[in-house]
Amino acid sequence: MASDLSMHKNENEMSCCGTICNECENYPHYCRGCSSIKGKVYWLEFTEEKICPVYNCCITKKKLYHCGQCGLLPCSKFKRKDPTKSIEENKEILEKQLAKLNNHH
């Protein structure tokens, strides 16, 4: 029987926010990738949300593959910071996400 981790369709796949799952330090132990966990990311324990707002907007509401397909990128949802990261880390992560999203229309 296949393990839970092998069930992720493609770990090199870009998530809707521009993160490559297997490049994230939290993959696969704290997060198996947004397509597998449907936007219920580990850091929600620090917020009062039940689903990642980027995932909810892009995938659930707009039915887009990723935010690079949205004319509002970067919207206010990208102004939020990961509470587990430093200011510098958040800035670097955002720059990488936007670069990937802008190159994958």
PDB file of N, CA and C in Angstrom:
ATOM      1  N   MET A   1       0.835  -1.186   0.000  1.00  0.00           N
ATOM      2  CA  MET A   1       0.000   0.000   0.000  1.00  0.00           C
ATOM      3  C   MET A   1       0.882   1.253   0.000  1.00  0.00           C
ATOM      4  N   ALA A   2       0.491   2.249  -0.756  1.00  0.00           N
ATOM      5  CA  ALA A   2       1.271   3.482  -0.865  1.00  0.00           C
ATOM      6  C   ALA A   2       1.209   4.268   0.433  1.00  0.00           C
ATOM      7  N   SER A   3       2.327   4.901   0.787  1.00  0.00           N
ATOM      8  CA  SER A   3       2.340   5.732   1.991  1.00  0.00           C
ATOM      9  C   SER A   3       1.598   7.030   1.737  1.00  0.00           C
ATOM     10  N   ASP A   4       1.232   7.727   2.801  1.00  0.00           N
ATOM     11  CA  ASP A   4       0.551   9.014   2.701  1.00  0.00           C
ATOM     12  C   ASP A   4       1.363  10.006   1.876  1.00  0.00           C
ATOM     13  N   LEU A   5       2.695   9.985   2.043  1.00  0.00           N
ATOM     14  CA  LEU A   5       3.537  10.947   1.346  1.00  0.00           C
ATOM     15  C   LEU A   5       3.541  10.699  -0.155  1.00  0.00           C
ATOM     16  N   SER A   6       3.463   9.461  -0.579  1.00  0.00           N
ATOM     17  CA  SER A   6       3.476   9.180  -2.008  1.00  0.00           C
ATOM     18  C   SER A   6       2.146   9.506  -2.658  1.00  0.00           C
ATOM     19  N   MET A   7       1.141   9.788  -1.860  1.00  0.00           N
ATOM     20  CA  MET A   7      -0.165  10.126  -2.391  1.00  0.00           C
ATOM     21  C   MET A   7      -0.186  11.533  -2.975  1.00  0.00           C
ATOM     22  N   HIS A   8       0.753  12.394  -2.565  1.00  0.00           N
ATOM     23  CA  HIS A   8       0.821  13.750  -3.110  1.00  0.00           C
ATOM     24  C   HIS A   8       1.130  13.613  -4.594  1.00  0.00           C
ATOM     25  N   LYS A   9       0.324  14.239  -5.443  1.00  0.00           N
ATOM     26  CA  LYS A   9       0.439  13.992  -6.875  1.00  0.00           C
ATOM     27  C   LYS A   9       1.792  14.360  -7.466  1.00  0.00           C
ATOM     28  N   ASN A  10       2.422  15.407  -6.992  1.00  0.00           N
ATOM     29  CA  ASN A  10       3.737  15.790  -7.508  1.00  0.00           C
ATOM     30  C   ASN A  10       4.373  16.749  -6.522  1.00  0.00           C
ATOM     31  N   GLU A  11       5.338  16.272  -5.768  1.00  0.00           N
ATOM     32  CA  GLU A  11       5.909  17.111  -4.721  1.00  0.00           C
ATOM     33  C   GLU A  11       6.716  18.282  -5.266  1.00  0.00           C
ATOM     34  N   ASN A  12       7.076  18.277  -6.536  1.00  0.00           N
ATOM     35  CA  ASN A  12       7.761  19.412  -7.144  1.00  0.00           C
ATOM     36  C   ASN A  12       6.775  20.442  -7.682  1.00  0.00           C
ATOM     37  N   GLU A  13       5.515  20.154  -7.567  1.00  0.00           N
ATOM     38  CA  GLU A  13       4.478  21.036  -8.077  1.00  0.00           C
ATOM     39  C   GLU A  13       4.410  22.329  -7.264  1.00  0.00           C
ATOM     40  N   MET A  14       4.116  23.408  -7.949  1.00  0.00           N
ATOM     41  CA  MET A  14       3.965  24.699  -7.287  1.00  0.00           C
ATOM     42  C   MET A  14       2.563  24.793  -6.697  1.00  0.00           C
ATOM     43  N   SER A  15       2.485  25.223  -5.442  1.00  0.00           N
ATOM     44  CA  SER A  15       1.177  25.433  -4.826  1.00  0.00           C
ATOM     45  C   SER A  15       0.604  26.753  -5.332  1.00  0.00           C
ATOM     46  N   CYS A  16      -0.624  27.033  -5.003  1.00  0.00           N
ATOM     47  CA  CYS A  16      -1.296  28.229  -5.527  1.00  0.00           C
ATOM     48  C   CYS A  16      -0.599  29.521  -5.126  1.00  0.00           C
ATOM     49  N   CYS A  17       0.141  29.534  -4.025  1.00  0.00           N
ATOM     50  CA  CYS A  17       0.819  30.752  -3.561  1.00  0.00           C
ATOM     51  C   CYS A  17       2.218  30.905  -4.131  1.00  0.00           C
ATOM     52  N   GLY A  18       2.685  29.941  -4.919  1.00  0.00           N
ATOM     53  CA  GLY A  18       4.016  30.024  -5.511  1.00  0.00           C
ATOM     54  C   GLY A  18       5.086  29.271  -4.755  1.00  0.00           C
ATOM     55  N   THR A  19       4.720  28.527  -3.742  1.00  0.00           N
ATOM     56  CA  THR A  19       5.674  27.719  -2.988  1.00  0.00           C
ATOM     57  C   THR A  19       5.810  26.355  -3.652  1.00  0.00           C
ATOM     58  N   ILE A  20       7.049  25.888  -3.805  1.00  0.00           N
ATOM     59  CA  ILE A  20       7.291  24.532  -4.286  1.00  0.00           C
ATOM     60  C   ILE A  20       7.347  23.663  -3.037  1.00  0.00           C
ATOM     61  N   CYS A  21       6.434  22.723  -2.939  1.00  0.00           N
ATOM     62  CA  CYS A  21       6.270  21.950  -1.704  1.00  0.00           C
ATOM     63  C   CYS A  21       7.576  21.399  -1.150  1.00  0.00           C
ATOM     64  N   ASN A  22       8.326  20.677  -1.961  1.00  0.00           N
ATOM     65  CA  ASN A  22       9.513  20.021  -1.399  1.00  0.00           C
ATOM     66  C   ASN A  22      10.672  20.972  -1.157  1.00  0.00           C
ATOM     67  N   GLU A  23      10.528  22.263  -1.477  1.00  0.00           N
ATOM     68  CA  GLU A  23      11.541  23.259  -1.123  1.00  0.00           C
ATOM     69  C   GLU A  23      11.254  23.865   0.254  1.00  0.00           C
ATOM     70  N   CYS A  24      10.096  23.562   0.802  1.00  0.00           N
ATOM     71  CA  CYS A  24       9.692  24.108   2.090  1.00  0.00           C
ATOM     72  C   CYS A  24      10.242  23.241   3.218  1.00  0.00           C
ATOM     73  N   GLU A  25      10.784  23.882   4.232  1.00  0.00           N
ATOM     74  CA  GLU A  25      11.357  23.142   5.367  1.00  0.00           C
ATOM     75  C   GLU A  25      10.317  22.335   6.140  1.00  0.00           C
ATOM     76  N   ASN A  26       9.053  22.655   5.961  1.00  0.00           N
ATOM     77  CA  ASN A  26       7.991  21.956   6.684  1.00  0.00           C
ATOM     78  C   ASN A  26       7.400  20.774   5.917  1.00  0.00           C
ATOM     79  N   TYR A  27       7.864  20.569   4.695  1.00  0.00           N
ATOM     80  CA  TYR A  27       7.387  19.458   3.881  1.00  0.00           C
ATOM     81  C   TYR A  27       8.323  18.277   4.084  1.00  0.00           C
ATOM     82  N   PRO A  28       7.850  17.112   4.311  1.00  0.00           N
ATOM     83  CA  PRO A  28       6.472  16.645   4.420  1.00  0.00           C
ATOM     84  C   PRO A  28       5.991  16.434   5.854  1.00  0.00           C
ATOM     85  N   HIS A  29       6.788  16.821   6.845  1.00  0.00           N
ATOM     86  CA  HIS A  29       6.455  16.491   8.228  1.00  0.00           C
ATOM     87  C   HIS A  29       5.311  17.315   8.814  1.00  0.00           C
ATOM     88  N   TYR A  30       5.295  18.620   8.548  1.00  0.00           N
ATOM     89  CA  TYR A  30       4.224  19.468   9.080  1.00  0.00           C
ATOM     90  C   TYR A  30       3.177  19.791   8.023  1.00  0.00           C
ATOM     91  N   CYS A  31       3.545  19.614   6.778  1.00  0.00           N
ATOM     92  CA  CYS A  31       2.635  19.936   5.675  1.00  0.00           C
ATOM     93  C   CYS A  31       2.924  18.980   4.534  1.00  0.00           C
ATOM     94  N   ARG A  32       1.882  18.423   3.946  1.00  0.00           N
ATOM     95  CA  ARG A  32       2.041  17.501   2.816  1.00  0.00           C
ATOM     96  C   ARG A  32       1.776  18.199   1.483  1.00  0.00           C
ATOM     97  N   GLY A  33       1.610  19.513   1.515  1.00  0.00           N
ATOM     98  CA  GLY A  33       1.335  20.264   0.291  1.00  0.00           C
ATOM     99  C   GLY A  33      -0.131  20.653   0.219  1.00  0.00           C
ATOM    100  N   CYS A  34      -0.392  21.853  -0.254  1.00  0.00           N
ATOM    101  CA  CYS A  34      -1.759  22.381  -0.249  1.00  0.00           C
ATOM    102  C   CYS A  34      -2.763  21.527  -1.010  1.00  0.00           C
ATOM    103  N   SER A  35      -2.330  20.930  -2.125  1.00  0.00           N
ATOM    104  CA  SER A  35      -3.284  20.110  -2.864  1.00  0.00           C
ATOM    105  C   SER A  35      -3.691  18.878  -2.060  1.00  0.00           C
ATOM    106  N   SER A  36      -2.829  18.413  -1.187  1.00  0.00           N
ATOM    107  CA  SER A  36      -3.150  17.252  -0.347  1.00  0.00           C
ATOM    108  C   SER A  36      -3.951  17.628   0.892  1.00  0.00           C
ATOM    109  N   ILE A  37      -3.642  18.785   1.471  1.00  0.00           N
ATOM    110  CA  ILE A  37      -4.300  19.166   2.728  1.00  0.00           C
ATOM    111  C   ILE A  37      -5.386  20.217   2.533  1.00  0.00           C
ATOM    112  N   LYS A  38      -5.617  20.597   1.283  1.00  0.00           N
ATOM    113  CA  LYS A  38      -6.680  21.536   0.924  1.00  0.00           C
ATOM    114  C   LYS A  38      -6.622  22.851   1.695  1.00  0.00           C
ATOM    115  N   GLY A  39      -5.409  23.401   1.812  1.00  0.00           N
ATOM    116  CA  GLY A  39      -5.219  24.713   2.419  1.00  0.00           C
ATOM    117  C   GLY A  39      -5.267  24.759   3.936  1.00  0.00           C
ATOM    118  N   LYS A  40      -5.299  23.608   4.584  1.00  0.00           N
ATOM    119  CA  LYS A  40      -5.332  23.581   6.049  1.00  0.00           C
ATOM    120  C   LYS A  40      -3.906  23.429   6.568  1.00  0.00           C
ATOM    121  N   VAL A  41      -3.154  24.512   6.435  1.00  0.00           N
ATOM    122  CA  VAL A  41      -1.726  24.519   6.734  1.00  0.00           C
ATOM    123  C   VAL A  41      -1.439  24.585   8.238  1.00  0.00           C
ATOM    124  N   TYR A  42      -0.246  24.153   8.597  1.00  0.00           N
ATOM    125  CA  TYR A  42       0.160  24.054  10.004  1.00  0.00           C
ATOM    126  C   TYR A  42       0.101  25.384  10.739  1.00  0.00           C
ATOM    127  N   TRP A  43       0.371  26.498  10.059  1.00  0.00           N
ATOM    128  CA  TRP A  43       0.454  27.787  10.746  1.00  0.00           C
ATOM    129  C   TRP A  43      -0.908  28.368  11.110  1.00  0.00           C
ATOM    130  N   LEU A  44      -1.977  27.719  10.715  1.00  0.00           N
ATOM    131  CA  LEU A  44      -3.310  28.194  11.110  1.00  0.00           C
ATOM    132  C   LEU A  44      -3.500  28.148  12.627  1.00  0.00           C
ATOM    133  N   GLU A  45      -2.667  27.366  13.311  1.00  0.00           N
ATOM    134  CA  GLU A  45      -2.741  27.330  14.768  1.00  0.00           C
ATOM    135  C   GLU A  45      -2.392  28.688  15.376  1.00  0.00           C
ATOM    136  N   PHE A  46      -1.713  29.559  14.599  1.00  0.00           N
ATOM    137  CA  PHE A  46      -1.357  30.892  15.069  1.00  0.00           C
ATOM    138  C   PHE A  46      -2.381  31.957  14.673  1.00  0.00           C
ATOM    139  N   THR A  47      -3.346  31.569  13.873  1.00  0.00           N
ATOM    140  CA  THR A  47      -4.376  32.511  13.399  1.00  0.00           C
ATOM    141  C   THR A  47      -5.746  31.992  13.813  1.00  0.00           C
ATOM    142  N   GLU A  48      -6.763  32.744  13.547  1.00  0.00           N
ATOM    143  CA  GLU A  48      -8.119  32.300  13.859  1.00  0.00           C
ATOM    144  C   GLU A  48      -8.824  31.762  12.617  1.00  0.00           C
ATOM    145  N   GLU A  49      -8.059  31.442  11.586  1.00  0.00           N
ATOM    146  CA  GLU A  49      -8.622  30.964  10.327  1.00  0.00           C
ATOM    147  C   GLU A  49      -8.674  29.439  10.293  1.00  0.00           C
ATOM    148  N   LYS A  50      -9.558  28.929   9.457  1.00  0.00           N
ATOM    149  CA  LYS A  50      -9.692  27.483   9.304  1.00  0.00           C
ATOM    150  C   LYS A  50      -9.032  26.984   8.025  1.00  0.00           C
ATOM    151  N   ILE A  51      -8.725  27.913   7.107  1.00  0.00           N
ATOM    152  CA  ILE A  51      -8.098  27.576   5.832  1.00  0.00           C
ATOM    153  C   ILE A  51      -7.215  28.751   5.417  1.00  0.00           C
ATOM    154  N   CYS A  52      -6.143  28.463   4.723  1.00  0.00           N
ATOM    155  CA  CYS A  52      -5.251  29.517   4.233  1.00  0.00           C
ATOM    156  C   CYS A  52      -6.055  30.463   3.341  1.00  0.00           C
ATOM    157  N   PRO A  53      -6.022  31.768   3.607  1.00  0.00           N
ATOM    158  CA  PRO A  53      -6.799  32.707   2.804  1.00  0.00           C
ATOM    159  C   PRO A  53      -6.383  32.752   1.333  1.00  0.00           C
ATOM    160  N   VAL A  54      -5.109  32.532   1.034  1.00  0.00           N
ATOM    161  CA  VAL A  54      -4.662  32.507  -0.361  1.00  0.00           C
ATOM    162  C   VAL A  54      -5.275  31.296  -1.059  1.00  0.00           C
ATOM    163  N   TYR A  55      -5.190  30.139  -0.431  1.00  0.00           N
ATOM    164  CA  TYR A  55      -5.767  28.920  -1.000  1.00  0.00           C
ATOM    165  C   TYR A  55      -7.278  29.080  -1.172  1.00  0.00           C
ATOM    166  N   ASN A  56      -7.940  29.594  -0.158  1.00  0.00           N
ATOM    167  CA  ASN A  56      -9.388  29.751  -0.203  1.00  0.00           C
ATOM    168  C   ASN A  56      -9.814  30.657  -1.361  1.00  0.00           C
ATOM    169  N   CYS A  57      -9.118  31.765  -1.536  1.00  0.00           N
ATOM    170  CA  CYS A  57      -9.438  32.708  -2.605  1.00  0.00           C
ATOM    171  C   CYS A  57      -9.142  32.103  -3.979  1.00  0.00           C
ATOM    172  N   CYS A  58      -7.935  31.606  -4.159  1.00  0.00           N
ATOM    173  CA  CYS A  58      -7.471  31.139  -5.461  1.00  0.00           C
ATOM    174  C   CYS A  58      -8.147  29.839  -5.897  1.00  0.00           C
ATOM    175  N   ILE A  59      -8.082  28.842  -5.069  1.00  0.00           N
ATOM    176  CA  ILE A  59      -8.560  27.513  -5.436  1.00  0.00           C
ATOM    177  C   ILE A  59     -10.067  27.362  -5.225  1.00  0.00           C
ATOM    178  N   THR A  60     -10.524  27.693  -4.029  1.00  0.00           N
ATOM    179  CA  THR A  60     -11.930  27.466  -3.693  1.00  0.00           C
ATOM    180  C   THR A  60     -12.865  28.447  -4.394  1.00  0.00           C
ATOM    181  N   LYS A  61     -12.560  29.731  -4.295  1.00  0.00           N
ATOM    182  CA  LYS A  61     -13.476  30.741  -4.823  1.00  0.00           C
ATOM    183  C   LYS A  61     -13.285  31.008  -6.319  1.00  0.00           C
ATOM    184  N   LYS A  62     -12.044  31.271  -6.734  1.00  0.00           N
ATOM    185  CA  LYS A  62     -11.799  31.671  -8.126  1.00  0.00           C
ATOM    186  C   LYS A  62     -11.542  30.500  -9.067  1.00  0.00           C
ATOM    187  N   LYS A  63     -11.307  29.315  -8.512  1.00  0.00           N
ATOM    188  CA  LYS A  63     -11.057  28.103  -9.300  1.00  0.00           C
ATOM    189  C   LYS A  63      -9.857  28.252 -10.236  1.00  0.00           C
ATOM    190  N   LEU A  64      -8.802  28.905  -9.736  1.00  0.00           N
ATOM    191  CA  LEU A  64      -7.566  29.077 -10.494  1.00  0.00           C
ATOM    192  C   LEU A  64      -6.553  28.020 -10.067  1.00  0.00           C
ATOM    193  N   TYR A  65      -5.618  27.721 -10.942  1.00  0.00           N
ATOM    194  CA  TYR A  65      -4.565  26.768 -10.610  1.00  0.00           C
ATOM    195  C   TYR A  65      -3.580  27.381  -9.624  1.00  0.00           C
ATOM    196  N   HIS A  66      -3.265  28.682  -9.822  1.00  0.00           N
ATOM    197  CA  HIS A  66      -2.383  29.405  -8.916  1.00  0.00           C
ATOM    198  C   HIS A  66      -2.642  30.900  -9.050  1.00  0.00           C
ATOM    199  N   CYS A  67      -2.111  31.661  -8.117  1.00  0.00           N
ATOM    200  CA  CYS A  67      -2.376  33.108  -8.057  1.00  0.00           C
ATOM    201  C   CYS A  67      -1.752  33.895  -9.198  1.00  0.00           C
ATOM    202  N   GLY A  68      -0.811  33.329  -9.918  1.00  0.00           N
ATOM    203  CA  GLY A  68      -0.233  33.986 -11.076  1.00  0.00           C
ATOM    204  C   GLY A  68      -1.258  34.188 -12.184  1.00  0.00           C
ATOM    205  N   GLN A  69      -2.365  33.472 -12.114  1.00  0.00           N
ATOM    206  CA  GLN A  69      -3.438  33.608 -13.099  1.00  0.00           C
ATOM    207  C   GLN A  69      -4.436  34.695 -12.714  1.00  0.00           C
ATOM    208  N   CYS A  70      -4.240  35.318 -11.569  1.00  0.00           N
ATOM    209  CA  CYS A  70      -5.153  36.351 -11.075  1.00  0.00           C
ATOM    210  C   CYS A  70      -4.569  37.732 -11.368  1.00  0.00           C
ATOM    211  N   GLY A  71      -5.382  38.609 -11.903  1.00  0.00           N
ATOM    212  CA  GLY A  71      -4.946  39.961 -12.222  1.00  0.00           C
ATOM    213  C   GLY A  71      -4.697  40.833 -11.007  1.00  0.00           C
ATOM    214  N   LEU A  72      -5.038  40.355  -9.821  1.00  0.00           N
ATOM    215  CA  LEU A  72      -4.847  41.129  -8.598  1.00  0.00           C
ATOM    216  C   LEU A  72      -3.543  40.822  -7.869  1.00  0.00           C
ATOM    217  N   LEU A  73      -2.719  39.948  -8.418  1.00  0.00           N
ATOM    218  CA  LEU A  73      -1.461  39.565  -7.770  1.00  0.00           C
ATOM    219  C   LEU A  73      -0.483  40.731  -7.752  1.00  0.00           C
ATOM    220  N   PRO A  74       0.148  41.037  -6.645  1.00  0.00           N
ATOM    221  CA  PRO A  74      -0.058  40.484  -5.307  1.00  0.00           C
ATOM    222  C   PRO A  74      -1.173  41.231  -4.583  1.00  0.00           C
ATOM    223  N   CYS A  75      -2.133  40.510  -4.114  1.00  0.00           N
ATOM    224  CA  CYS A  75      -3.255  41.113  -3.392  1.00  0.00           C
ATOM    225  C   CYS A  75      -2.934  41.202  -1.898  1.00  0.00           C
ATOM    226  N   SER A  76      -3.873  41.689  -1.139  1.00  0.00           N
ATOM    227  CA  SER A  76      -3.666  41.884   0.299  1.00  0.00           C
ATOM    228  C   SER A  76      -3.365  40.582   1.041  1.00  0.00           C
ATOM    229  N   LYS A  77      -3.780  39.451   0.499  1.00  0.00           N
ATOM    230  CA  LYS A  77      -3.510  38.165   1.158  1.00  0.00           C
ATOM    231  C   LYS A  77      -2.010  37.871   1.219  1.00  0.00           C
ATOM    232  N   PHE A  78      -1.244  38.453   0.299  1.00  0.00           N
ATOM    233  CA  PHE A  78       0.201  38.248   0.291  1.00  0.00           C
ATOM    234  C   PHE A  78       0.919  39.192   1.244  1.00  0.00           C
ATOM    235  N   LYS A  79       0.205  40.130   1.846  1.00  0.00           N
ATOM    236  CA  LYS A  79       0.810  41.039   2.824  1.00  0.00           C
ATOM    237  C   LYS A  79       0.926  40.392   4.196  1.00  0.00           C
ATOM    238  N   ARG A  80       0.225  39.298   4.381  1.00  0.00           N
ATOM    239  CA  ARG A  80       0.279  38.586   5.657  1.00  0.00           C
ATOM    240  C   ARG A  80       1.641  37.940   5.813  1.00  0.00           C
ATOM    241  N   LYS A  81       2.096  37.832   7.021  1.00  0.00           N
ATOM    242  CA  LYS A  81       3.417  37.264   7.299  1.00  0.00           C
ATOM    243  C   LYS A  81       3.277  35.940   8.043  1.00  0.00           C
ATOM    244  N   ASP A  82       4.177  35.031   7.755  1.00  0.00           N
ATOM    245  CA  ASP A  82       4.235  33.766   8.458  1.00  0.00           C
ATOM    246  C   ASP A  82       4.756  34.050   9.863  1.00  0.00           C
ATOM    247  N   PRO A  83       3.970  33.779  10.892  1.00  0.00           N
ATOM    248  CA  PRO A  83       4.393  34.101  12.259  1.00  0.00           C
ATOM    249  C   PRO A  83       5.572  33.270  12.755  1.00  0.00           C
ATOM    250  N   THR A  84       5.931  32.225  12.023  1.00  0.00           N
ATOM    251  CA  THR A  84       7.051  31.383  12.438  1.00  0.00           C
ATOM    252  C   THR A  84       8.365  31.815  11.784  1.00  0.00           C
ATOM    253  N   LYS A  85       8.331  32.883  10.971  1.00  0.00           N
ATOM    254  CA  LYS A  85       9.509  33.342  10.233  1.00  0.00           C
ATOM    255  C   LYS A  85       9.880  34.766  10.624  1.00  0.00           C
ATOM    256  N   SER A  86      11.138  35.137  10.382  1.00  0.00           N
ATOM    257  CA  SER A  86      11.604  36.495  10.637  1.00  0.00           C
ATOM    258  C   SER A  86      11.119  37.423   9.516  1.00  0.00           C
ATOM    259  N   ILE A  87      11.274  38.723   9.721  1.00  0.00           N
ATOM    260  CA  ILE A  87      10.899  39.710   8.708  1.00  0.00           C
ATOM    261  C   ILE A  87      11.691  39.452   7.425  1.00  0.00           C
ATOM    262  N   GLU A  88      12.976  39.199   7.553  1.00  0.00           N
ATOM    263  CA  GLU A  88      13.837  38.949   6.405  1.00  0.00           C
ATOM    264  C   GLU A  88      13.419  37.673   5.676  1.00  0.00           C
ATOM    265  N   GLU A  89      13.126  36.617   6.436  1.00  0.00           N
ATOM    266  CA  GLU A  89      12.694  35.357   5.823  1.00  0.00           C
ATOM    267  C   GLU A  89      11.376  35.545   5.073  1.00  0.00           C
ATOM    268  N   ASN A  90      10.436  36.269   5.683  1.00  0.00           N
ATOM    269  CA  ASN A  90       9.157  36.526   5.024  1.00  0.00           C
ATOM    270  C   ASN A  90       9.353  37.304   3.722  1.00  0.00           C
ATOM    271  N   LYS A  91      10.238  38.287   3.733  1.00  0.00           N
ATOM    272  CA  LYS A  91      10.496  39.090   2.530  1.00  0.00           C
ATOM    273  C   LYS A  91      11.079  38.220   1.427  1.00  0.00           C
ATOM    274  N   GLU A  92      12.043  37.401   1.772  1.00  0.00           N
ATOM    275  CA  GLU A  92      12.679  36.520   0.797  1.00  0.00           C
ATOM    276  C   GLU A  92      11.677  35.515   0.218  1.00  0.00           C
ATOM    277  N   ILE A  93      10.863  34.941   1.077  1.00  0.00           N
ATOM    278  CA  ILE A  93       9.859  33.978   0.639  1.00  0.00           C
ATOM    279  C   ILE A  93       8.869  34.640  -0.320  1.00  0.00           C
ATOM    280  N   LEU A  94       8.400  35.834   0.019  1.00  0.00           N
ATOM    281  CA  LEU A  94       7.449  36.549  -0.830  1.00  0.00           C
ATOM    282  C   LEU A  94       8.057  36.847  -2.197  1.00  0.00           C
ATOM    283  N   GLU A  95       9.291  37.302  -2.231  1.00  0.00           N
ATOM    284  CA  GLU A  95       9.955  37.589  -3.508  1.00  0.00           C
ATOM    285  C   GLU A  95      10.036  36.343  -4.380  1.00  0.00           C
ATOM    286  N   LYS A  96      10.372  35.199  -3.799  1.00  0.00           N
ATOM    287  CA  LYS A  96      10.454  33.941  -4.545  1.00  0.00           C
ATOM    288  C   LYS A  96       9.077  33.517  -5.052  1.00  0.00           C
ATOM    289  N   GLN A  97       8.055  33.641  -4.185  1.00  0.00           N
ATOM    290  CA  GLN A  97       6.700  33.264  -4.587  1.00  0.00           C
ATOM    291  C   GLN A  97       6.246  34.102  -5.776  1.00  0.00           C
ATOM    292  N   LEU A  98       6.401  35.419  -5.674  1.00  0.00           N
ATOM    293  CA  LEU A  98       5.941  36.309  -6.740  1.00  0.00           C
ATOM    294  C   LEU A  98       6.691  36.061  -8.039  1.00  0.00           C
ATOM    295  N   ALA A  99       7.977  35.807  -7.954  1.00  0.00           N
ATOM    296  CA  ALA A  99       8.758  35.510  -9.164  1.00  0.00           C
ATOM    297  C   ALA A  99       8.233  34.254  -9.851  1.00  0.00           C
ATOM    298  N   LYS A 100       7.972  33.209  -9.081  1.00  0.00           N
ATOM    299  CA  LYS A 100       7.449  31.962  -9.654  1.00  0.00           C
ATOM    300  C   LYS A 100       6.066  32.176 -10.241  1.00  0.00           C
ATOM    301  N   LEU A 101       5.206  32.867  -9.519  1.00  0.00           N
ATOM    302  CA  LEU A 101       3.833  33.098  -9.985  1.00  0.00           C
ATOM    303  C   LEU A 101       3.809  33.963 -11.244  1.00  0.00           C
ATOM    304  N   ASN A 102       4.658  34.975 -11.302  1.00  0.00           N
ATOM    305  CA  ASN A 102       4.697  35.851 -12.468  1.00  0.00           C
ATOM    306  C   ASN A 102       5.266  35.150 -13.702  1.00  0.00           C
ATOM    307  N   ASN A 103       6.027  34.108 -13.503  1.00  0.00           N
ATOM    308  CA  ASN A 103       6.600  33.348 -14.626  1.00  0.00           C
ATOM    309  C   ASN A 103       5.733  32.179 -15.063  1.00  0.00           C
ATOM    310  N   HIS A 104       4.624  31.936 -14.389  1.00  0.00           N
ATOM    311  CA  HIS A 104       3.743  30.802 -14.705  1.00  0.00           C
ATOM    312  C   HIS A 104       2.312  31.268 -14.935  1.00  0.00           C
ATOM    313  N   HIS A 105       2.106  32.155 -15.879  1.00  0.00           N
ATOM    314  CA  HIS A 105       0.743  32.617 -16.164  1.00  0.00           C
ATOM    315  C   HIS A 105       0.025  31.482 -16.790  1.00  0.00           C
TER     316      HIS A 105
END
